Amino acid sequence: MDKTSPYYHQVALLVPLIVEPAQIQQGLDIIAACFDETTQA
């Protein structure tokens, strides 16, 4: 990982063109849980 990149502190989300709203919500829930774990550590 290149820590000198201007994009180092960004998370890229690549969602397929055809996706159900429930799948998007599930993915966002997973990401939120990851952030929660990180802030609690």
PDB file of N, CA and C in Angstrom:
ATOM      1  N   MET A   1       0.846  -1.177   0.000  1.00  0.00           N
ATOM      2  CA  MET A   1       0.000   0.000   0.000  1.00  0.00           C
ATOM      3  C   MET A   1       0.888   1.235   0.000  1.00  0.00           C
ATOM      4  N   ASP A   2       0.595   2.145  -0.875  1.00  0.00           N
ATOM      5  CA  ASP A   2       1.369   3.372  -0.993  1.00  0.00           C
ATOM      6  C   ASP A   2       0.793   4.426  -0.056  1.00  0.00           C
ATOM      7  N   LYS A   3       1.471   4.660   1.062  1.00  0.00           N
ATOM      8  CA  LYS A   3       0.983   5.615   2.059  1.00  0.00           C
ATOM      9  C   LYS A   3       1.223   7.060   1.660  1.00  0.00           C
ATOM     10  N   THR A   4       1.956   7.285   0.588  1.00  0.00           N
ATOM     11  CA  THR A   4       2.185   8.656   0.131  1.00  0.00           C
ATOM     12  C   THR A   4       1.122   9.110  -0.865  1.00  0.00           C
ATOM     13  N   SER A   5       0.252   8.206  -1.247  1.00  0.00           N
ATOM     14  CA  SER A   5      -0.793   8.521  -2.216  1.00  0.00           C
ATOM     15  C   SER A   5      -1.807   9.489  -1.610  1.00  0.00           C
ATOM     16  N   PRO A   6      -2.344  10.408  -2.392  1.00  0.00           N
ATOM     17  CA  PRO A   6      -3.374  11.315  -1.871  1.00  0.00           C
ATOM     18  C   PRO A   6      -4.680  10.583  -1.549  1.00  0.00           C
ATOM     19  N   TYR A   7      -4.798   9.333  -1.964  1.00  0.00           N
ATOM     20  CA  TYR A   7      -6.022   8.562  -1.730  1.00  0.00           C
ATOM     21  C   TYR A   7      -5.862   7.574  -0.585  1.00  0.00           C
ATOM     22  N   TYR A   8      -4.810   7.709   0.218  1.00  0.00           N
ATOM     23  CA  TYR A   8      -4.514   6.747   1.270  1.00  0.00           C
ATOM     24  C   TYR A   8      -5.632   6.636   2.302  1.00  0.00           C
ATOM     25  N   HIS A   9      -6.304   7.727   2.623  1.00  0.00           N
ATOM     26  CA  HIS A   9      -7.326   7.725   3.675  1.00  0.00           C
ATOM     27  C   HIS A   9      -8.739   7.628   3.119  1.00  0.00           C
ATOM     28  N   GLN A  10      -8.886   7.007   1.976  1.00  0.00           N
ATOM     29  CA  GLN A  10     -10.201   6.867   1.362  1.00  0.00           C
ATOM     30  C   GLN A  10     -10.550   5.393   1.206  1.00  0.00           C
ATOM     31  N   VAL A  11     -11.837   5.124   1.256  1.00  0.00           N
ATOM     32  CA  VAL A  11     -12.345   3.780   1.025  1.00  0.00           C
ATOM     33  C   VAL A  11     -13.107   3.804  -0.290  1.00  0.00           C
ATOM     34  N   ALA A  12     -12.730   2.946  -1.209  1.00  0.00           N
ATOM     35  CA  ALA A  12     -13.408   2.882  -2.504  1.00  0.00           C
ATOM     36  C   ALA A  12     -14.483   1.799  -2.447  1.00  0.00           C
ATOM     37  N   LEU A  13     -15.683   2.155  -2.814  1.00  0.00           N
ATOM     38  CA  LEU A  13     -16.789   1.203  -2.855  1.00  0.00           C
ATOM     39  C   LEU A  13     -17.152   0.962  -4.319  1.00  0.00           C
ATOM     40  N   LEU A  14     -16.988  -0.265  -4.753  1.00  0.00           N
ATOM     41  CA  LEU A  14     -17.296  -0.616  -6.134  1.00  0.00           C
ATOM     42  C   LEU A  14     -18.551  -1.482  -6.136  1.00  0.00           C
ATOM     43  N   VAL A  15     -19.661  -0.867  -6.488  1.00  0.00           N
ATOM     44  CA  VAL A  15     -20.958  -1.540  -6.477  1.00  0.00           C
ATOM     45  C   VAL A  15     -21.325  -1.915  -7.914  1.00  0.00           C
ATOM     46  N   PRO A  16     -21.818  -3.140  -8.111  1.00  0.00           N
ATOM     47  CA  PRO A  16     -22.240  -3.521  -9.462  1.00  0.00           C
ATOM     48  C   PRO A  16     -23.357  -2.606  -9.975  1.00  0.00           C
ATOM     49  N   LEU A  17     -23.500  -2.544 -11.284  1.00  0.00           N
ATOM     50  CA  LEU A  17     -24.557  -1.705 -11.867  1.00  0.00           C
ATOM     51  C   LEU A  17     -25.950  -2.216 -11.499  1.00  0.00           C
ATOM     52  N   ILE A  18     -26.087  -3.513 -11.358  1.00  0.00           N
ATOM     53  CA  ILE A  18     -27.378  -4.104 -10.995  1.00  0.00           C
ATOM     54  C   ILE A  18     -27.240  -4.689  -9.593  1.00  0.00           C
ATOM     55  N   VAL A  19     -27.889  -4.041  -8.637  1.00  0.00           N
ATOM     56  CA  VAL A  19     -27.798  -4.481  -7.247  1.00  0.00           C
ATOM     57  C   VAL A  19     -29.121  -4.159  -6.553  1.00  0.00           C
ATOM     58  N   GLU A  20     -29.520  -5.038  -5.674  1.00  0.00           N
ATOM     59  CA  GLU A  20     -30.758  -4.838  -4.915  1.00  0.00           C
ATOM     60  C   GLU A  20     -30.487  -3.890  -3.738  1.00  0.00           C
ATOM     61  N   PRO A  21     -31.455  -3.066  -3.375  1.00  0.00           N
ATOM     62  CA  PRO A  21     -31.277  -2.172  -2.229  1.00  0.00           C
ATOM     63  C   PRO A  21     -30.880  -2.917  -0.946  1.00  0.00           C
ATOM     64  N   ALA A  22     -31.409  -4.113  -0.760  1.00  0.00           N
ATOM     65  CA  ALA A  22     -31.070  -4.896   0.439  1.00  0.00           C
ATOM     66  C   ALA A  22     -29.589  -5.269   0.443  1.00  0.00           C
ATOM     67  N   GLN A  23     -29.020  -5.532  -0.733  1.00  0.00           N
ATOM     68  CA  GLN A  23     -27.607  -5.867  -0.818  1.00  0.00           C
ATOM     69  C   GLN A  23     -26.743  -4.647  -0.484  1.00  0.00           C
ATOM     70  N   ILE A  24     -27.152  -3.487  -0.947  1.00  0.00           N
ATOM     71  CA  ILE A  24     -26.418  -2.260  -0.617  1.00  0.00           C
ATOM     72  C   ILE A  24     -26.471  -2.023   0.888  1.00  0.00           C
ATOM     73  N   GLN A  25     -27.643  -2.189   1.474  1.00  0.00           N
ATOM     74  CA  GLN A  25     -27.793  -1.975   2.914  1.00  0.00           C
ATOM     75  C   GLN A  25     -26.941  -2.965   3.704  1.00  0.00           C
ATOM     76  N   GLN A  26     -26.907  -4.208   3.266  1.00  0.00           N
ATOM     77  CA  GLN A  26     -26.089  -5.217   3.941  1.00  0.00           C
ATOM     78  C   GLN A  26     -24.605  -4.824   3.894  1.00  0.00           C
ATOM     79  N   GLY A  27     -24.155  -4.381   2.739  1.00  0.00           N
ATOM     80  CA  GLY A  27     -22.765  -3.950   2.611  1.00  0.00           C
ATOM     81  C   GLY A  27     -22.447  -2.759   3.493  1.00  0.00           C
ATOM     82  N   LEU A  28     -23.350  -1.788   3.531  1.00  0.00           N
ATOM     83  CA  LEU A  28     -23.145  -0.608   4.378  1.00  0.00           C
ATOM     84  C   LEU A  28     -23.149  -0.990   5.860  1.00  0.00           C
ATOM     85  N   ASP A  29     -23.977  -1.953   6.239  1.00  0.00           N
ATOM     86  CA  ASP A  29     -24.004  -2.429   7.629  1.00  0.00           C
ATOM     87  C   ASP A  29     -22.667  -3.075   8.004  1.00  0.00           C
ATOM     88  N   ILE A  30     -22.104  -3.832   7.080  1.00  0.00           N
ATOM     89  CA  ILE A  30     -20.807  -4.478   7.330  1.00  0.00           C
ATOM     90  C   ILE A  30     -19.722  -3.419   7.503  1.00  0.00           C
ATOM     91  N   ILE A  31     -19.721  -2.419   6.628  1.00  0.00           N
ATOM     92  CA  ILE A  31     -18.722  -1.352   6.720  1.00  0.00           C
ATOM     93  C   ILE A  31     -18.892  -0.584   8.034  1.00  0.00           C
ATOM     94  N   ALA A  32     -20.127  -0.292   8.417  1.00  0.00           N
ATOM     95  CA  ALA A  32     -20.377   0.417   9.669  1.00  0.00           C
ATOM     96  C   ALA A  32     -19.879  -0.395  10.863  1.00  0.00           C
ATOM     97  N   ALA A  33     -20.085  -1.700  10.843  1.00  0.00           N
ATOM     98  CA  ALA A  33     -19.611  -2.556  11.929  1.00  0.00           C
ATOM     99  C   ALA A  33     -18.085  -2.539  12.006  1.00  0.00           C
ATOM    100  N   CYS A  34     -17.429  -2.510  10.855  1.00  0.00           N
ATOM    101  CA  CYS A  34     -15.962  -2.440  10.826  1.00  0.00           C
ATOM    102  C   CYS A  34     -15.482  -1.135  11.445  1.00  0.00           C
ATOM    103  N   PHE A  35     -16.127  -0.025  11.104  1.00  0.00           N
ATOM    104  CA  PHE A  35     -15.737   1.259  11.676  1.00  0.00           C
ATOM    105  C   PHE A  35     -15.999   1.280  13.185  1.00  0.00           C
ATOM    106  N   ASP A  36     -17.110   0.674  13.606  1.00  0.00           N
ATOM    107  CA  ASP A  36     -17.411   0.615  15.037  1.00  0.00           C
ATOM    108  C   ASP A  36     -16.334  -0.160  15.783  1.00  0.00           C
ATOM    109  N   GLU A  37     -15.908  -1.301  15.235  1.00  0.00           N
ATOM    110  CA  GLU A  37     -14.852  -2.092  15.874  1.00  0.00           C
ATOM    111  C   GLU A  37     -13.552  -1.310  15.957  1.00  0.00           C
ATOM    112  N   THR A  38     -13.261  -0.560  14.903  1.00  0.00           N
ATOM    113  CA  THR A  38     -12.013   0.210  14.865  1.00  0.00           C
ATOM    114  C   THR A  38     -12.017   1.322  15.908  1.00  0.00           C
ATOM    115  N   THR A  39     -13.133   1.992  16.065  1.00  0.00           N
ATOM    116  CA  THR A  39     -13.185   3.109  17.019  1.00  0.00           C
ATOM    117  C   THR A  39     -13.240   2.623  18.461  1.00  0.00           C
ATOM    118  N   GLN A  40     -13.666   1.392  18.682  1.00  0.00           N
ATOM    119  CA  GLN A  40     -13.720   0.851  20.041  1.00  0.00           C
ATOM    120  C   GLN A  40     -12.378   0.275  20.480  1.00  0.00           C
ATOM    121  N   ALA A  41     -11.519  -0.017  19.535  1.00  0.00           N
ATOM    122  CA  ALA A  41     -10.219  -0.646  19.871  1.00  0.00           C
ATOM    123  C   ALA A  41      -9.234   0.348  20.430  1.00  0.00           C
TER     124      ALA A  41
END
